[in-house]
Amino acid sequence: MANDIHATIEEREGVITVVMDRPEKLNAISPQMTETYWEAVRQMSTRNDLRCMVITAKGKYFSAGIDLNAPNKREFHPDQAHPGWNYRRDYRLHHLLYDEMENLEKPIIMAVQGICLGAGVEMAMSCDFRFCTPRAEFALPEVDLGLIPGSGGVNRLTRLLGPSWGKWIAMAGMRVAAEQAKTIGLVHDVFQEETFMDDVYAFCDRLITIPADALGLAKLTVDMAADLDRVGGRHLSRLANTTLKATPEHLERTARFKK
C-alpha cells in the first residue's frame, strides 16, 4: 500500500523545510503535498523565529508536476458538465499558494536535487532563490499535452527570463540542464550533490544574519521595482529606507561606526 504522507515538514534553527518524498509517483504534487506547502507558509507567516523556508525533495525527480490522477481535484479533471468559470475558480485556488509565497516578506528557497517538470518549475518561479545539483533538469511539458503552463509558467517565467527563454521553455517545451539554467538565470547556483543541502542551508544561515525588516522590505521593493519606472523605483527605495532608518537593528548596527 502506498504511503499517504507525500511530504513532511522539518525544522532547524530559523529554517522550515518541506521535503517531498513520493518516489513511486516521481514526487507528483498531490493534495497532501499542497496542504503541506500551505502549512509551512502559514507557519512562516505567523512565527517570528522562522526566518527562511526551503522546499526540496528526495529521489531522482524533484517533481514530475501536478498529479493528474489526484482524487477530488476538479481543477485537474474538467469535463463538459463542469462549466468553465467553475474550472477557473478552482484553478485560482492553486494560484493562491504561489501568490502567497511571493507575498510573504521572508525568503523562500527552492532546492532542486533532480528533474523538475511542470508545476515544480512553476512553484520555483514563485520562490526568491533557486539552487540545483548538476543532474537537475527543468521543463514545462504542458504544451505537448495541448495546454500551456497555467500556474505561472508563462507569466512568471517570462518575467524572470524574458520572452526569448520563455518561448524556449514554455512554447517549444525544451528541457534546460543545470548549467544552462544557471546561465539564463533560472537558478542562482549549482551545488555538488555531496554537499547540496549543506550549501543550501549555509545560504539560509547567511540570510538569517540580515535584519528581518530589511530583508522583507528588500524582497518587496525588488519585486515592485520590476513594475515601476526609474523615478517610481527611486521614490519607493526612499520610502522603504525612511521606515528602516528608525529600526532597532539599523540603529544598533550603525552605532559601531559612531564610536
C-alpha atoms as a PDB file:
ATOM      1  CA  MET A   1       0.000   0.000   0.000  1.00  0.00           C
ATOM      2  CA  ALA A   2       1.383   3.420  -0.982  1.00  0.00           C
ATOM      3  CA  ASN A   3       2.342   5.846   1.754  1.00  0.00           C
ATOM      4  CA  ASP A   4      -0.262   8.619   2.070  1.00  0.00           C
ATOM      5  CA  ILE A   5       2.321  11.008   3.556  1.00  0.00           C
ATOM      6  CA  HIS A   6       3.920  12.501   0.452  1.00  0.00           C
ATOM      7  CA  ALA A   7       5.648  15.494   2.078  1.00  0.00           C
ATOM      8  CA  THR A   8       6.846  16.363   5.546  1.00  0.00           C
ATOM      9  CA  ILE A   9       7.975  19.463   7.424  1.00  0.00           C
ATOM     10  CA  GLU A  10      11.337  19.681   9.132  1.00  0.00           C
ATOM     11  CA  GLU A  11      12.810  22.489  11.219  1.00  0.00           C
ATOM     12  CA  ARG A  12      16.259  23.669  12.135  1.00  0.00           C
ATOM     13  CA  GLU A  13      17.233  26.947  13.736  1.00  0.00           C
ATOM     14  CA  GLY A  14      15.356  29.681  11.887  1.00  0.00           C
ATOM     15  CA  VAL A  15      14.555  27.485   8.881  1.00  0.00           C
ATOM     16  CA  ILE A  16      11.466  25.445   7.967  1.00  0.00           C
ATOM     17  CA  THR A  17      11.856  22.845   5.214  1.00  0.00           C
ATOM     18  CA  VAL A  18       9.252  20.981   3.168  1.00  0.00           C
ATOM     19  CA  VAL A  19      10.592  17.653   1.899  1.00  0.00           C
ATOM     20  CA  MET A  20       8.709  15.802  -0.850  1.00  0.00           C
ATOM     21  CA  ASP A  21       9.157  12.031  -0.702  1.00  0.00           C
ATOM     22  CA  ARG A  22       6.875  10.196  -3.100  1.00  0.00           C
ATOM     23  CA  PRO A  23       9.265   8.198  -5.290  1.00  0.00           C
ATOM     24  CA  GLU A  24       6.655   5.849  -6.719  1.00  0.00           C
ATOM     25  CA  LYS A  25       4.948   8.857  -8.361  1.00  0.00           C
ATOM     26  CA  LEU A  26       8.140  10.816  -9.105  1.00  0.00           C
ATOM     27  CA  ASN A  27       7.059  13.362  -6.494  1.00  0.00           C
ATOM     28  CA  ALA A  28       3.984  14.334  -8.476  1.00  0.00           C
ATOM     29  CA  ILE A  29       2.289  17.096  -6.490  1.00  0.00           C
ATOM     30  CA  SER A  30      -0.683  15.668  -4.603  1.00  0.00           C
ATOM     31  CA  PRO A  31      -3.320  17.439  -2.464  1.00  0.00           C
ATOM     32  CA  GLN A  32      -1.426  16.329   0.658  1.00  0.00           C
ATOM     33  CA  MET A  33       1.751  17.946  -0.667  1.00  0.00           C
ATOM     34  CA  THR A  34      -0.115  21.161  -1.441  1.00  0.00           C
ATOM     35  CA  GLU A  35      -1.565  21.300   2.067  1.00  0.00           C
ATOM     36  CA  THR A  36       1.935  20.746   3.485  1.00  0.00           C
ATOM     37  CA  TYR A  37       3.217  23.738   1.488  1.00  0.00           C
ATOM     38  CA  TRP A  38       0.319  25.793   2.864  1.00  0.00           C
ATOM     39  CA  GLU A  39       1.079  24.715   6.417  1.00  0.00           C
ATOM     40  CA  ALA A  40       4.728  25.714   6.050  1.00  0.00           C
ATOM     41  CA  VAL A  41       3.758  29.093   4.575  1.00  0.00           C
ATOM     42  CA  ARG A  42       1.287  29.677   7.419  1.00  0.00           C
ATOM     43  CA  GLN A  43       3.964  28.918   9.987  1.00  0.00           C
ATOM     44  CA  MET A  44       6.427  31.215   8.221  1.00  0.00           C
ATOM     45  CA  SER A  45       3.839  33.972   8.218  1.00  0.00           C
ATOM     46  CA  THR A  46       2.963  33.759  11.913  1.00  0.00           C
ATOM     47  CA  ARG A  47       6.195  32.721  13.647  1.00  0.00           C
ATOM     48  CA  ASN A  48       8.939  35.299  14.131  1.00  0.00           C
ATOM     49  CA  ASP A  49      11.506  32.595  14.913  1.00  0.00           C
ATOM     50  CA  LEU A  50      11.216  31.216  11.373  1.00  0.00           C
ATOM     51  CA  ARG A  51      13.269  33.350   9.008  1.00  0.00           C
ATOM     52  CA  CYS A  52      13.654  31.200   5.924  1.00  0.00           C
ATOM     53  CA  MET A  53      11.779  28.424   4.065  1.00  0.00           C
ATOM     54  CA  VAL A  54      13.271  25.662   1.917  1.00  0.00           C
ATOM     55  CA  ILE A  55      11.434  23.352  -0.495  1.00  0.00           C
ATOM     56  CA  THR A  56      13.270  20.222  -1.580  1.00  0.00           C
ATOM     57  CA  ALA A  57      12.701  16.555  -2.411  1.00  0.00           C
ATOM     58  CA  LYS A  58      14.148  13.075  -2.296  1.00  0.00           C
ATOM     59  CA  GLY A  59      14.729  10.792  -5.259  1.00  0.00           C
ATOM     60  CA  LYS A  60      15.557  11.095  -8.964  1.00  0.00           C
ATOM     61  CA  TYR A  61      12.825  13.668  -9.535  1.00  0.00           C
ATOM     62  CA  PHE A  62      12.265  16.902  -7.698  1.00  0.00           C
ATOM     63  CA  SER A  63       8.744  16.734  -9.115  1.00  0.00           C
ATOM     64  CA  ALA A  64       7.044  15.402 -12.231  1.00  0.00           C
ATOM     65  CA  GLY A  65       4.433  18.164 -11.858  1.00  0.00           C
ATOM     66  CA  ILE A  66       0.818  18.019 -10.755  1.00  0.00           C
ATOM     67  CA  ASP A  67      -0.603  14.566 -10.053  1.00  0.00           C
ATOM     68  CA  LEU A  68      -3.203  14.282 -12.824  1.00  0.00           C
ATOM     69  CA  ASN A  69      -4.780  11.303 -11.067  1.00  0.00           C
ATOM     70  CA  ALA A  70      -5.275  13.089  -7.762  1.00  0.00           C
ATOM     71  CA  PRO A  71      -8.739  12.319  -6.336  1.00  0.00           C
ATOM     72  CA  ASN A  72     -11.307  15.038  -5.717  1.00  0.00           C
ATOM     73  CA  LYS A  73      -9.375  17.692  -7.603  1.00  0.00           C
ATOM     74  CA  ARG A  74     -11.822  19.117 -10.117  1.00  0.00           C
ATOM     75  CA  GLU A  75      -9.373  21.672 -11.440  1.00  0.00           C
ATOM     76  CA  PHE A  76      -7.307  18.865 -12.937  1.00  0.00           C
ATOM     77  CA  HIS A  77     -10.281  16.924 -14.331  1.00  0.00           C
ATOM     78  CA  PRO A  78     -12.541  19.382 -16.154  1.00  0.00           C
ATOM     79  CA  ASP A  79     -15.339  17.879 -18.239  1.00  0.00           C
ATOM     80  CA  GLN A  80     -18.263  19.075 -20.315  1.00  0.00           C
ATOM     81  CA  ALA A  81     -20.570  19.054 -17.295  1.00  0.00           C
ATOM     82  CA  HIS A  82     -18.249  21.361 -15.345  1.00  0.00           C
ATOM     83  CA  PRO A  83     -18.613  24.993 -16.502  1.00  0.00           C
ATOM     84  CA  GLY A  84     -15.509  26.925 -17.461  1.00  0.00           C
ATOM     85  CA  TRP A  85     -15.991  29.540 -14.785  1.00  0.00           C
ATOM     86  CA  ASN A  86     -16.005  26.835 -12.080  1.00  0.00           C
ATOM     87  CA  TYR A  87     -12.844  25.381 -13.563  1.00  0.00           C
ATOM     88  CA  ARG A  88     -11.127  28.774 -13.474  1.00  0.00           C
ATOM     89  CA  ARG A  89     -12.353  29.424  -9.927  1.00  0.00           C
ATOM     90  CA  ASP A  90     -10.892  26.153  -8.682  1.00  0.00           C
ATOM     91  CA  TYR A  91      -7.700  26.750 -10.653  1.00  0.00           C
ATOM     92  CA  ARG A  92      -7.248  30.070  -8.825  1.00  0.00           C
ATOM     93  CA  LEU A  93      -7.165  28.228  -5.521  1.00  0.00           C
ATOM     94  CA  HIS A  94      -3.904  26.652  -6.691  1.00  0.00           C
ATOM     95  CA  HIS A  95      -2.572  30.033  -7.813  1.00  0.00           C
ATOM     96  CA  LEU A  96      -3.176  31.499  -4.363  1.00  0.00           C
ATOM     97  CA  LEU A  97      -0.422  29.325  -2.860  1.00  0.00           C
ATOM     98  CA  TYR A  98       2.195  30.661  -5.263  1.00  0.00           C
ATOM     99  CA  ASP A  99       0.900  34.214  -4.786  1.00  0.00           C
ATOM    100  CA  GLU A 100       1.217  33.846  -1.022  1.00  0.00           C
ATOM    101  CA  MET A 101       4.773  32.549  -1.396  1.00  0.00           C
ATOM    102  CA  GLU A 102       5.614  35.667  -3.395  1.00  0.00           C
ATOM    103  CA  ASN A 103       3.852  37.977  -0.940  1.00  0.00           C
ATOM    104  CA  LEU A 104       5.499  36.542   2.176  1.00  0.00           C
ATOM    105  CA  GLU A 105       8.094  39.010   3.483  1.00  0.00           C
ATOM    106  CA  LYS A 106      10.601  36.237   4.134  1.00  0.00           C
ATOM    107  CA  PRO A 107      12.859  34.367   1.705  1.00  0.00           C
ATOM    108  CA  ILE A 108      11.809  31.057   0.161  1.00  0.00           C
ATOM    109  CA  ILE A 109      14.456  28.822  -1.397  1.00  0.00           C
ATOM    110  CA  MET A 110      13.872  26.028  -3.895  1.00  0.00           C
ATOM    111  CA  ALA A 111      16.492  23.276  -3.635  1.00  0.00           C
ATOM    112  CA  VAL A 112      16.126  21.126  -6.755  1.00  0.00           C
ATOM    113  CA  GLN A 113      18.044  17.870  -6.500  1.00  0.00           C
ATOM    114  CA  GLY A 114      16.726  16.208  -9.693  1.00  0.00           C
ATOM    115  CA  ILE A 115      14.378  16.534 -12.643  1.00  0.00           C
ATOM    116  CA  CYS A 116      11.829  19.319 -12.210  1.00  0.00           C
ATOM    117  CA  LEU A 117       8.791  19.463 -14.504  1.00  0.00           C
ATOM    118  CA  GLY A 118       5.539  21.368 -14.883  1.00  0.00           C
ATOM    119  CA  ALA A 119       4.143  22.675 -11.617  1.00  0.00           C
ATOM    120  CA  GLY A 120       7.519  22.084  -9.966  1.00  0.00           C
ATOM    121  CA  VAL A 121       9.012  24.711 -12.281  1.00  0.00           C
ATOM    122  CA  GLU A 122       6.022  26.994 -11.763  1.00  0.00           C
ATOM    123  CA  MET A 123       6.427  26.790  -8.000  1.00  0.00           C
ATOM    124  CA  ALA A 124      10.143  27.533  -8.389  1.00  0.00           C
ATOM    125  CA  MET A 125       9.252  30.755 -10.193  1.00  0.00           C
ATOM    126  CA  SER A 126       7.431  31.897  -7.040  1.00  0.00           C
ATOM    127  CA  CYS A 127      10.497  31.365  -4.862  1.00  0.00           C
ATOM    128  CA  ASP A 128      13.102  34.016  -4.185  1.00  0.00           C
ATOM    129  CA  PHE A 129      16.156  31.820  -4.689  1.00  0.00           C
ATOM    130  CA  ARG A 130      16.712  28.612  -6.633  1.00  0.00           C
ATOM    131  CA  PHE A 131      19.584  26.146  -6.368  1.00  0.00           C
ATOM    132  CA  CYS A 132      20.105  22.771  -8.019  1.00  0.00           C
ATOM    133  CA  THR A 133      22.508  19.871  -8.389  1.00  0.00           C
ATOM    134  CA  PRO A 134      24.364  19.090 -11.645  1.00  0.00           C
ATOM    135  CA  ARG A 135      21.821  16.377 -12.527  1.00  0.00           C
ATOM    136  CA  ALA A 136      18.830  18.697 -12.324  1.00  0.00           C
ATOM    137  CA  GLU A 137      16.763  19.415 -15.441  1.00  0.00           C
ATOM    138  CA  PHE A 138      13.874  21.813 -15.919  1.00  0.00           C
ATOM    139  CA  ALA A 139      10.972  21.668 -18.379  1.00  0.00           C
ATOM    140  CA  LEU A 140       7.360  22.730 -18.918  1.00  0.00           C
ATOM    141  CA  PRO A 141       5.853  19.842 -20.924  1.00  0.00           C
ATOM    142  CA  GLU A 142       2.269  21.148 -20.848  1.00  0.00           C
ATOM    143  CA  VAL A 143       2.442  22.282 -24.471  1.00  0.00           C
ATOM    144  CA  ASP A 144       2.950  18.666 -25.572  1.00  0.00           C
ATOM    145  CA  LEU A 145      -0.390  17.880 -23.909  1.00  0.00           C
ATOM    146  CA  GLY A 146      -2.122  20.650 -25.840  1.00  0.00           C
ATOM    147  CA  LEU A 147      -2.067  23.158 -22.964  1.00  0.00           C
ATOM    148  CA  ILE A 148       0.086  25.981 -21.682  1.00  0.00           C
ATOM    149  CA  PRO A 149       1.523  26.179 -18.156  1.00  0.00           C
ATOM    150  CA  GLY A 150      -1.324  27.838 -16.279  1.00  0.00           C
ATOM    151  CA  SER A 151       0.051  28.339 -12.768  1.00  0.00           C
ATOM    152  CA  GLY A 152       2.651  30.979 -13.540  1.00  0.00           C
ATOM    153  CA  GLY A 153       4.730  29.018 -16.015  1.00  0.00           C
ATOM    154  CA  VAL A 154       4.190  31.647 -18.699  1.00  0.00           C
ATOM    155  CA  ASN A 155       3.973  34.978 -16.893  1.00  0.00           C
ATOM    156  CA  ARG A 156       6.419  34.355 -14.048  1.00  0.00           C
ATOM    157  CA  LEU A 157       8.905  32.567 -16.280  1.00  0.00           C
ATOM    158  CA  THR A 158       8.789  35.338 -18.887  1.00  0.00           C
ATOM    159  CA  ARG A 159       9.094  38.000 -16.195  1.00  0.00           C
ATOM    160  CA  LEU A 160      12.178  36.231 -14.828  1.00  0.00           C
ATOM    161  CA  LEU A 161      13.933  35.176 -18.042  1.00  0.00           C
ATOM    162  CA  GLY A 162      12.407  37.340 -20.767  1.00  0.00           C
ATOM    163  CA  PRO A 163      10.324  36.362 -23.836  1.00  0.00           C
ATOM    164  CA  SER A 164      13.153  34.553 -25.634  1.00  0.00           C
ATOM    165  CA  TRP A 165      13.769  31.919 -22.972  1.00  0.00           C
ATOM    166  CA  GLY A 166      10.076  31.953 -22.058  1.00  0.00           C
ATOM    167  CA  LYS A 167       9.313  30.753 -25.587  1.00  0.00           C
ATOM    168  CA  TRP A 168      12.145  28.210 -25.488  1.00  0.00           C
ATOM    169  CA  ILE A 169      10.802  26.576 -22.325  1.00  0.00           C
ATOM    170  CA  ALA A 170       7.024  27.222 -22.295  1.00  0.00           C
ATOM    171  CA  MET A 171       6.331  27.348 -26.043  1.00  0.00           C
ATOM    172  CA  ALA A 172       8.819  24.856 -27.509  1.00  0.00           C
ATOM    173  CA  GLY A 173       8.794  22.658 -24.402  1.00  0.00           C
ATOM    174  CA  MET A 174      12.589  22.370 -24.335  1.00  0.00           C
ATOM    175  CA  ARG A 175      14.475  20.930 -21.367  1.00  0.00           C
ATOM    176  CA  VAL A 176      17.129  23.026 -19.665  1.00  0.00           C
ATOM    177  CA  ALA A 177      20.027  21.327 -17.870  1.00  0.00           C
ATOM    178  CA  ALA A 178      21.609  22.620 -14.682  1.00  0.00           C
ATOM    179  CA  GLU A 179      24.478  24.717 -16.062  1.00  0.00           C
ATOM    180  CA  GLN A 180      22.299  26.252 -18.765  1.00  0.00           C
ATOM    181  CA  ALA A 181      19.681  27.016 -16.094  1.00  0.00           C
ATOM    182  CA  LYS A 182      22.346  28.951 -14.196  1.00  0.00           C
ATOM    183  CA  THR A 183      23.470  30.773 -17.331  1.00  0.00           C
ATOM    184  CA  ILE A 184      19.983  32.021 -18.201  1.00  0.00           C
ATOM    185  CA  GLY A 185      19.077  32.919 -14.611  1.00  0.00           C
ATOM    186  CA  LEU A 186      16.631  30.100 -13.916  1.00  0.00           C
ATOM    187  CA  VAL A 187      18.756  29.068 -10.914  1.00  0.00           C
ATOM    188  CA  HIS A 188      21.214  31.132  -8.905  1.00  0.00           C
ATOM    189  CA  ASP A 189      23.838  28.443  -8.427  1.00  0.00           C
ATOM    190  CA  VAL A 190      24.630  24.769  -8.969  1.00  0.00           C
ATOM    191  CA  PHE A 191      25.919  22.906  -5.913  1.00  0.00           C
ATOM    192  CA  GLN A 192      27.526  19.478  -5.917  1.00  0.00           C
ATOM    193  CA  GLU A 193      25.293  16.597  -4.809  1.00  0.00           C
ATOM    194  CA  GLU A 194      27.585  15.546  -1.977  1.00  0.00           C
ATOM    195  CA  THR A 195      27.207  18.848  -0.147  1.00  0.00           C
ATOM    196  CA  PHE A 196      23.967  20.094  -1.710  1.00  0.00           C
ATOM    197  CA  MET A 197      21.786  20.646   1.347  1.00  0.00           C
ATOM    198  CA  ASP A 198      24.747  21.810   3.437  1.00  0.00           C
ATOM    199  CA  ASP A 199      25.365  24.514   0.819  1.00  0.00           C
ATOM    200  CA  VAL A 200      21.676  25.419   0.716  1.00  0.00           C
ATOM    201  CA  TYR A 201      21.498  25.751   4.496  1.00  0.00           C
ATOM    202  CA  ALA A 202      24.732  27.762   4.534  1.00  0.00           C
ATOM    203  CA  PHE A 203      22.950  30.255   2.277  1.00  0.00           C
ATOM    204  CA  CYS A 204      19.975  30.232   4.660  1.00  0.00           C
ATOM    205  CA  ASP A 205      22.334  30.939   7.547  1.00  0.00           C
ATOM    206  CA  ARG A 206      23.619  33.955   5.622  1.00  0.00           C
ATOM    207  CA  LEU A 207      20.080  35.264   5.104  1.00  0.00           C
ATOM    208  CA  ILE A 208      19.266  34.858   8.782  1.00  0.00           C
ATOM    209  CA  THR A 209      22.075  37.267   9.722  1.00  0.00           C
ATOM    210  CA  ILE A 210      20.320  40.061   7.778  1.00  0.00           C
ATOM    211  CA  PRO A 211      17.854  42.162   9.828  1.00  0.00           C
ATOM    212  CA  ALA A 212      14.360  40.795   9.239  1.00  0.00           C
ATOM    213  CA  ASP A 213      12.753  44.148   8.397  1.00  0.00           C
ATOM    214  CA  ALA A 214      15.440  44.988   5.865  1.00  0.00           C
ATOM    215  CA  LEU A 215      15.226  41.555   4.266  1.00  0.00           C
ATOM    216  CA  GLY A 216      11.439  41.716   3.992  1.00  0.00           C
ATOM    217  CA  LEU A 217      11.389  45.233   2.539  1.00  0.00           C
ATOM    218  CA  ALA A 218      14.201  44.337   0.141  1.00  0.00           C
ATOM    219  CA  LYS A 219      12.043  41.497  -1.198  1.00  0.00           C
ATOM    220  CA  LEU A 220       9.023  43.765  -1.582  1.00  0.00           C
ATOM    221  CA  THR A 221      10.904  46.614  -3.213  1.00  0.00           C
ATOM    222  CA  VAL A 222      12.769  44.373  -5.672  1.00  0.00           C
ATOM    223  CA  ASP A 223       9.507  42.775  -6.790  1.00  0.00           C
ATOM    224  CA  MET A 224       7.722  46.122  -7.006  1.00  0.00           C
ATOM    225  CA  ALA A 225      10.598  47.823  -8.821  1.00  0.00           C
ATOM    226  CA  ALA A 226      10.119  45.460 -11.768  1.00  0.00           C
ATOM    227  CA  ASP A 227       6.765  47.167 -12.434  1.00  0.00           C
ATOM    228  CA  LEU A 228       7.864  50.768 -11.813  1.00  0.00           C
ATOM    229  CA  ASP A 229       9.690  53.311 -13.917  1.00  0.00           C
ATOM    230  CA  ARG A 230      13.047  54.609 -12.716  1.00  0.00           C
ATOM    231  CA  VAL A 231      11.584  57.575 -10.832  1.00  0.00           C
ATOM    232  CA  GLY A 232       8.946  55.468  -9.102  1.00  0.00           C
ATOM    233  CA  GLY A 233      11.592  52.925  -8.132  1.00  0.00           C
ATOM    234  CA  ARG A 234      13.763  55.578  -6.516  1.00  0.00           C
ATOM    235  CA  HIS A 235      10.799  57.003  -4.598  1.00  0.00           C
ATOM    236  CA  LEU A 236       9.980  53.501  -3.373  1.00  0.00           C
ATOM    237  CA  SER A 237      13.538  52.966  -2.119  1.00  0.00           C
ATOM    238  CA  ARG A 238      13.499  56.244  -0.193  1.00  0.00           C
ATOM    239  CA  LEU A 239      10.176  55.404   1.407  1.00  0.00           C
ATOM    240  CA  ALA A 240      11.456  51.965   2.443  1.00  0.00           C
ATOM    241  CA  ASN A 241      14.596  53.436   3.972  1.00  0.00           C
ATOM    242  CA  THR A 242      12.568  56.033   5.843  1.00  0.00           C
ATOM    243  CA  THR A 243      10.993  53.145   7.731  1.00  0.00           C
ATOM    244  CA  LEU A 244      14.188  51.109   8.119  1.00  0.00           C
ATOM    245  CA  LYS A 245      16.215  54.070   9.360  1.00  0.00           C
ATOM    246  CA  ALA A 246      14.397  54.005  12.704  1.00  0.00           C
ATOM    247  CA  THR A 247      14.514  50.245  13.340  1.00  0.00           C
ATOM    248  CA  PRO A 248      16.496  48.968  16.343  1.00  0.00           C
ATOM    249  CA  GLU A 249      18.547  46.713  14.058  1.00  0.00           C
ATOM    250  CA  HIS A 250      19.747  49.630  11.945  1.00  0.00           C
ATOM    251  CA  LEU A 251      20.498  51.817  14.963  1.00  0.00           C
ATOM    252  CA  GLU A 252      22.408  49.033  16.681  1.00  0.00           C
ATOM    253  CA  ARG A 253      24.420  48.059  13.610  1.00  0.00           C
ATOM    254  CA  THR A 254      25.401  51.614  12.728  1.00  0.00           C
ATOM    255  CA  ALA A 255      26.263  52.633  16.286  1.00  0.00           C
ATOM    256  CA  ARG A 256      29.657  50.929  15.985  1.00  0.00           C
ATOM    257  CA  PHE A 257      30.664  53.388  13.246  1.00  0.00           C
ATOM    258  CA  LYS A 258      29.979  56.372  15.505  1.00  0.00           C
ATOM    259  CA  LYS A 259      32.459  55.450  18.197  1.00  0.00           C
END
